[in-house]
N, C-alpha and C. Protein backbone atom coordinates (compact mmCIF):
# COMPACT_ATOMS: atom_id res chain seq x y z
N UNK A 1 0.25 -47.40 31.85
CA UNK A 1 1.08 -46.24 32.08
C UNK A 1 1.43 -46.19 33.56
N UNK A 2 2.68 -45.90 33.84
CA UNK A 2 3.15 -45.77 35.20
C UNK A 2 3.66 -44.35 35.40
N UNK A 3 3.44 -43.83 36.59
CA UNK A 3 4.02 -42.55 36.93
C UNK A 3 4.69 -42.67 38.27
N UNK A 4 5.81 -42.02 38.41
CA UNK A 4 6.53 -41.96 39.68
C UNK A 4 6.90 -40.52 39.88
N UNK A 5 6.69 -40.04 41.07
CA UNK A 5 7.04 -38.66 41.37
C UNK A 5 7.97 -38.63 42.56
N UNK A 6 8.86 -37.68 42.56
CA UNK A 6 9.69 -37.46 43.74
C UNK A 6 9.27 -36.13 44.32
N UNK A 7 9.57 -35.95 45.57
CA UNK A 7 9.23 -34.67 46.18
C UNK A 7 10.16 -33.57 45.69
N UNK A 8 11.08 -33.93 44.83
CA UNK A 8 12.07 -32.98 44.33
C UNK A 8 11.74 -32.51 42.92
N UNK A 9 10.49 -32.47 42.58
CA UNK A 9 10.04 -31.82 41.35
C UNK A 9 10.34 -32.57 40.06
N UNK A 10 10.32 -33.90 40.10
CA UNK A 10 10.46 -34.67 38.87
C UNK A 10 9.37 -35.73 38.85
N UNK A 11 8.69 -35.80 37.73
CA UNK A 11 7.68 -36.81 37.49
C UNK A 11 8.18 -37.68 36.36
N UNK A 12 8.16 -39.00 36.54
CA UNK A 12 8.58 -39.92 35.49
C UNK A 12 7.36 -40.68 35.00
N UNK A 13 7.01 -40.47 33.74
CA UNK A 13 5.89 -41.17 33.12
C UNK A 13 6.47 -42.24 32.21
N UNK A 14 6.00 -43.48 32.35
CA UNK A 14 6.48 -44.56 31.50
C UNK A 14 5.30 -45.26 30.84
N UNK A 15 5.49 -45.66 29.61
CA UNK A 15 4.47 -46.44 28.91
C UNK A 15 5.10 -47.16 27.72
N UNK A 16 4.34 -48.05 27.14
CA UNK A 16 4.79 -48.79 25.96
C UNK A 16 4.29 -48.09 24.71
N UNK A 17 5.12 -48.12 23.69
CA UNK A 17 4.77 -47.61 22.37
C UNK A 17 5.27 -48.66 21.39
N UNK A 18 4.35 -49.52 20.95
CA UNK A 18 4.76 -50.65 20.12
C UNK A 18 5.64 -51.58 20.93
N UNK A 19 6.81 -51.89 20.41
CA UNK A 19 7.75 -52.77 21.10
C UNK A 19 8.75 -52.01 21.97
N UNK A 20 8.57 -50.70 22.10
CA UNK A 20 9.49 -49.86 22.86
C UNK A 20 8.88 -49.46 24.20
N UNK A 21 9.73 -49.12 25.13
CA UNK A 21 9.29 -48.49 26.37
C UNK A 21 9.69 -47.02 26.28
N UNK A 22 8.77 -46.15 26.70
CA UNK A 22 9.03 -44.72 26.70
C UNK A 22 9.16 -44.26 28.14
N UNK A 23 10.26 -43.59 28.44
CA UNK A 23 10.49 -42.98 29.74
C UNK A 23 10.49 -41.48 29.53
N UNK A 24 9.58 -40.79 30.20
CA UNK A 24 9.43 -39.35 29.97
C UNK A 24 9.51 -38.58 31.29
N UNK A 25 10.73 -38.22 31.69
CA UNK A 25 10.84 -37.39 32.90
C UNK A 25 10.34 -35.98 32.63
N UNK A 26 9.71 -35.42 33.63
CA UNK A 26 9.18 -34.06 33.50
C UNK A 26 9.63 -33.26 34.71
N UNK A 27 10.08 -32.04 34.47
CA UNK A 27 10.51 -31.19 35.57
C UNK A 27 12.00 -31.14 35.71
N UNK A 28 12.48 -31.30 36.95
CA UNK A 28 13.89 -31.15 37.28
C UNK A 28 14.54 -32.51 37.52
N UNK A 29 15.61 -32.79 36.79
CA UNK A 29 16.35 -34.04 36.96
C UNK A 29 17.73 -33.68 37.52
N UNK A 30 17.89 -33.94 38.81
CA UNK A 30 19.15 -33.65 39.47
C UNK A 30 19.47 -34.77 40.45
N UNK A 31 20.49 -34.58 41.24
CA UNK A 31 20.93 -35.62 42.17
C UNK A 31 19.82 -36.05 43.12
N UNK A 32 18.99 -35.12 43.53
CA UNK A 32 17.91 -35.42 44.47
C UNK A 32 16.74 -36.17 43.82
N UNK A 33 16.56 -36.03 42.52
CA UNK A 33 15.36 -36.58 41.88
C UNK A 33 15.62 -37.66 40.85
N UNK A 34 16.85 -37.96 40.51
CA UNK A 34 17.16 -38.86 39.41
C UNK A 34 16.88 -40.33 39.73
N UNK A 35 16.68 -40.68 40.97
CA UNK A 35 16.51 -42.07 41.39
C UNK A 35 15.52 -42.89 40.57
N UNK A 36 14.26 -42.45 40.43
CA UNK A 36 13.30 -43.24 39.66
C UNK A 36 13.72 -43.45 38.20
N UNK A 37 14.31 -42.45 37.59
CA UNK A 37 14.78 -42.60 36.21
C UNK A 37 15.92 -43.61 36.14
N UNK A 38 16.84 -43.51 37.05
CA UNK A 38 17.96 -44.45 37.09
C UNK A 38 17.47 -45.89 37.27
N UNK A 39 16.50 -46.09 38.17
CA UNK A 39 15.94 -47.43 38.39
C UNK A 39 15.25 -47.96 37.13
N UNK A 40 14.50 -47.10 36.45
CA UNK A 40 13.81 -47.52 35.23
C UNK A 40 14.81 -47.88 34.13
N UNK A 41 15.85 -47.09 33.97
CA UNK A 41 16.88 -47.38 32.97
C UNK A 41 17.61 -48.68 33.30
N UNK A 42 17.93 -48.88 34.57
CA UNK A 42 18.59 -50.12 34.98
C UNK A 42 17.71 -51.33 34.71
N UNK A 43 16.42 -51.22 35.00
CA UNK A 43 15.50 -52.34 34.75
C UNK A 43 15.44 -52.68 33.27
N UNK A 44 15.38 -51.67 32.42
CA UNK A 44 15.36 -51.93 30.98
C UNK A 44 16.68 -52.53 30.50
N UNK A 45 17.77 -52.10 31.08
CA UNK A 45 19.07 -52.65 30.70
C UNK A 45 19.16 -54.13 31.07
N UNK A 46 18.57 -54.50 32.19
CA UNK A 46 18.64 -55.89 32.64
C UNK A 46 17.61 -56.79 31.99
N UNK A 47 16.38 -56.28 31.80
CA UNK A 47 15.28 -57.16 31.41
C UNK A 47 14.60 -56.79 30.09
N UNK A 48 14.81 -55.61 29.58
CA UNK A 48 14.12 -55.18 28.38
C UNK A 48 14.77 -55.73 27.12
N UNK A 49 14.02 -55.64 26.02
CA UNK A 49 14.54 -56.14 24.75
C UNK A 49 14.44 -55.11 23.63
N UNK A 50 13.42 -54.28 23.65
CA UNK A 50 13.21 -53.32 22.58
C UNK A 50 13.86 -51.99 22.87
N UNK A 51 13.58 -51.01 22.03
CA UNK A 51 14.12 -49.67 22.23
C UNK A 51 13.68 -49.06 23.56
N UNK A 52 14.57 -48.28 24.13
CA UNK A 52 14.27 -47.50 25.33
C UNK A 52 14.29 -46.05 24.88
N UNK A 53 13.10 -45.47 24.77
CA UNK A 53 12.94 -44.12 24.25
C UNK A 53 12.86 -43.16 25.44
N UNK A 54 13.82 -42.27 25.53
CA UNK A 54 13.89 -41.31 26.62
C UNK A 54 13.45 -39.95 26.10
N UNK A 55 12.21 -39.59 26.41
CA UNK A 55 11.64 -38.33 25.95
C UNK A 55 12.05 -37.24 26.94
N UNK A 56 12.94 -36.37 26.52
CA UNK A 56 13.48 -35.33 27.39
C UNK A 56 12.91 -33.95 27.09
N UNK A 57 11.80 -33.91 26.38
CA UNK A 57 11.23 -32.63 25.96
C UNK A 57 10.67 -31.80 27.11
N UNK A 58 10.29 -32.43 28.21
CA UNK A 58 9.68 -31.70 29.33
C UNK A 58 10.63 -31.53 30.51
N UNK A 59 11.92 -31.71 30.28
CA UNK A 59 12.90 -31.50 31.35
C UNK A 59 13.23 -30.01 31.41
N UNK A 60 12.88 -29.39 32.54
CA UNK A 60 13.11 -27.95 32.73
C UNK A 60 14.49 -27.65 33.31
N UNK A 61 15.04 -28.63 34.03
CA UNK A 61 16.38 -28.47 34.61
C UNK A 61 17.03 -29.84 34.65
N UNK A 62 18.31 -29.89 34.36
CA UNK A 62 19.07 -31.14 34.48
C UNK A 62 20.51 -30.78 34.78
N UNK A 63 21.15 -31.67 35.51
CA UNK A 63 22.57 -31.49 35.75
C UNK A 63 23.29 -32.80 35.45
N UNK A 64 24.49 -32.93 35.92
CA UNK A 64 25.27 -34.11 35.58
C UNK A 64 24.69 -35.40 36.14
N UNK A 65 23.75 -35.34 37.06
CA UNK A 65 23.10 -36.56 37.54
C UNK A 65 22.36 -37.26 36.40
N UNK A 66 21.71 -36.49 35.54
CA UNK A 66 21.06 -37.07 34.36
C UNK A 66 22.10 -37.69 33.43
N UNK A 67 23.15 -36.96 33.16
CA UNK A 67 24.20 -37.45 32.27
C UNK A 67 24.84 -38.72 32.84
N UNK A 68 25.10 -38.73 34.13
CA UNK A 68 25.69 -39.92 34.76
C UNK A 68 24.77 -41.13 34.64
N UNK A 69 23.47 -40.93 34.82
CA UNK A 69 22.52 -42.03 34.69
C UNK A 69 22.54 -42.59 33.27
N UNK A 70 22.63 -41.71 32.29
CA UNK A 70 22.67 -42.15 30.89
C UNK A 70 23.97 -42.86 30.55
N UNK A 71 25.08 -42.31 30.99
CA UNK A 71 26.37 -42.92 30.71
C UNK A 71 26.52 -44.27 31.41
N UNK A 72 25.90 -44.39 32.56
CA UNK A 72 25.98 -45.63 33.33
C UNK A 72 25.33 -46.81 32.60
N UNK A 73 24.20 -46.55 31.92
CA UNK A 73 23.48 -47.65 31.24
C UNK A 73 23.83 -47.75 29.76
N UNK A 74 24.57 -46.80 29.25
CA UNK A 74 24.91 -46.81 27.83
C UNK A 74 25.61 -48.09 27.38
N UNK A 75 26.56 -48.65 28.15
CA UNK A 75 27.20 -49.89 27.69
C UNK A 75 26.22 -51.06 27.56
N UNK A 76 25.24 -51.15 28.46
CA UNK A 76 24.28 -52.25 28.40
C UNK A 76 23.20 -52.02 27.34
N UNK A 77 22.72 -50.80 27.22
CA UNK A 77 21.63 -50.51 26.29
C UNK A 77 22.13 -50.29 24.86
N UNK A 78 23.30 -49.75 24.70
CA UNK A 78 23.83 -49.49 23.36
C UNK A 78 22.86 -48.67 22.52
N UNK A 79 22.62 -49.11 21.29
CA UNK A 79 21.74 -48.38 20.37
C UNK A 79 20.27 -48.50 20.73
N UNK A 80 19.94 -49.34 21.70
CA UNK A 80 18.55 -49.42 22.16
C UNK A 80 18.12 -48.13 22.86
N UNK A 81 19.08 -47.38 23.43
CA UNK A 81 18.78 -46.12 24.12
C UNK A 81 18.69 -45.01 23.09
N UNK A 82 17.52 -44.40 23.01
CA UNK A 82 17.28 -43.33 22.04
C UNK A 82 16.61 -42.15 22.72
N UNK A 83 17.21 -40.99 22.59
CA UNK A 83 16.64 -39.77 23.16
C UNK A 83 15.69 -39.13 22.16
N UNK A 84 14.68 -38.49 22.70
CA UNK A 84 13.71 -37.80 21.86
C UNK A 84 13.61 -36.35 22.30
N UNK A 85 13.73 -35.46 21.35
CA UNK A 85 13.46 -34.04 21.52
C UNK A 85 13.96 -33.47 22.83
N UNK A 86 15.26 -33.58 23.10
CA UNK A 86 15.75 -33.02 24.36
C UNK A 86 15.47 -31.52 24.43
N UNK A 87 15.11 -31.07 25.60
CA UNK A 87 14.86 -29.64 25.79
C UNK A 87 16.14 -28.87 25.48
N UNK A 88 16.00 -27.58 25.30
CA UNK A 88 17.16 -26.74 24.99
C UNK A 88 18.20 -26.85 26.11
N UNK A 89 17.75 -26.94 27.33
CA UNK A 89 18.67 -27.05 28.45
C UNK A 89 19.45 -28.36 28.40
N UNK A 90 18.79 -29.47 28.10
CA UNK A 90 19.47 -30.77 28.01
C UNK A 90 20.42 -30.77 26.82
N UNK A 91 19.99 -30.22 25.71
CA UNK A 91 20.86 -30.13 24.54
C UNK A 91 22.13 -29.34 24.86
N UNK A 92 21.96 -28.25 25.55
CA UNK A 92 23.12 -27.42 25.94
C UNK A 92 24.04 -28.19 26.88
N UNK A 93 23.46 -28.89 27.84
CA UNK A 93 24.26 -29.69 28.78
C UNK A 93 25.09 -30.73 28.04
N UNK A 94 24.47 -31.45 27.11
CA UNK A 94 25.19 -32.45 26.33
C UNK A 94 26.29 -31.82 25.48
N UNK A 95 25.98 -30.65 24.92
CA UNK A 95 26.95 -29.96 24.07
C UNK A 95 28.15 -29.48 24.90
N UNK A 96 27.90 -28.91 26.07
CA UNK A 96 28.98 -28.42 26.93
C UNK A 96 29.89 -29.57 27.35
N UNK A 97 29.30 -30.75 27.56
CA UNK A 97 30.08 -31.92 27.97
C UNK A 97 30.61 -32.72 26.78
N UNK A 98 30.39 -32.20 25.56
CA UNK A 98 30.83 -32.86 24.32
C UNK A 98 30.26 -34.28 24.20
N UNK A 99 28.98 -34.43 24.55
CA UNK A 99 28.33 -35.73 24.52
C UNK A 99 27.15 -35.81 23.56
N UNK A 100 26.90 -34.77 22.78
CA UNK A 100 25.73 -34.79 21.92
C UNK A 100 25.79 -35.90 20.87
N UNK A 101 26.98 -36.33 20.49
CA UNK A 101 27.08 -37.42 19.51
C UNK A 101 27.20 -38.79 20.17
N UNK A 102 27.22 -38.85 21.49
CA UNK A 102 27.34 -40.13 22.21
C UNK A 102 26.02 -40.89 22.27
N UNK A 103 24.91 -40.21 21.95
CA UNK A 103 23.59 -40.81 22.05
C UNK A 103 22.82 -40.65 20.76
N UNK A 104 21.92 -41.58 20.50
CA UNK A 104 21.01 -41.45 19.36
C UNK A 104 19.91 -40.48 19.76
N UNK A 105 19.75 -39.41 18.99
CA UNK A 105 18.74 -38.39 19.30
C UNK A 105 17.82 -38.26 18.10
N UNK A 106 16.51 -38.37 18.35
CA UNK A 106 15.49 -38.26 17.30
C UNK A 106 14.55 -37.10 17.63
N UNK A 107 13.81 -36.67 16.60
CA UNK A 107 12.88 -35.56 16.77
C UNK A 107 11.54 -35.98 17.36
N UNK A 108 11.17 -37.24 17.17
CA UNK A 108 9.85 -37.69 17.65
C UNK A 108 9.93 -39.09 18.23
N UNK A 109 8.94 -39.43 19.02
CA UNK A 109 8.88 -40.78 19.60
C UNK A 109 8.76 -41.82 18.50
N UNK A 110 7.94 -41.56 17.49
CA UNK A 110 7.77 -42.52 16.40
C UNK A 110 9.10 -42.77 15.69
N UNK A 111 9.86 -41.72 15.43
CA UNK A 111 11.14 -41.88 14.76
C UNK A 111 12.11 -42.68 15.64
N UNK A 112 12.06 -42.49 16.94
CA UNK A 112 12.93 -43.22 17.84
C UNK A 112 12.57 -44.70 17.90
N UNK A 113 11.29 -45.00 17.81
CA UNK A 113 10.85 -46.39 17.88
C UNK A 113 11.13 -47.12 16.57
N UNK A 114 10.92 -46.45 15.45
CA UNK A 114 10.98 -47.11 14.16
C UNK A 114 12.33 -47.07 13.45
N UNK A 115 13.25 -46.21 13.90
CA UNK A 115 14.56 -46.14 13.25
C UNK A 115 15.66 -46.35 14.27
N UNK A 116 16.56 -47.29 14.00
CA UNK A 116 17.67 -47.51 14.92
C UNK A 116 18.64 -46.34 14.95
């Protein structure tokens, strides 16, 4: 398990779950704090092979920096990128930007790992 924290109130916890990598940002994901998440997504896009499960259940605040990071890697990751249980705030952000159908969203980590 790896953890990365920024002084801007975001903790990124990463670990393996079967053949998938789980990225679980916690706290606030904005322009000041999105760096570690963006780096992890880029690394998986370049070198990973299995599902990239993005657990957004503990995100208390997010802005377009999160959305930009996701849209940036979407072409490389394709269906490998799977969101899990986005917080109400993230769900609302995706809905306002008309992007809720642009990503695979599952209710649980197990469902994201086992179902494309």
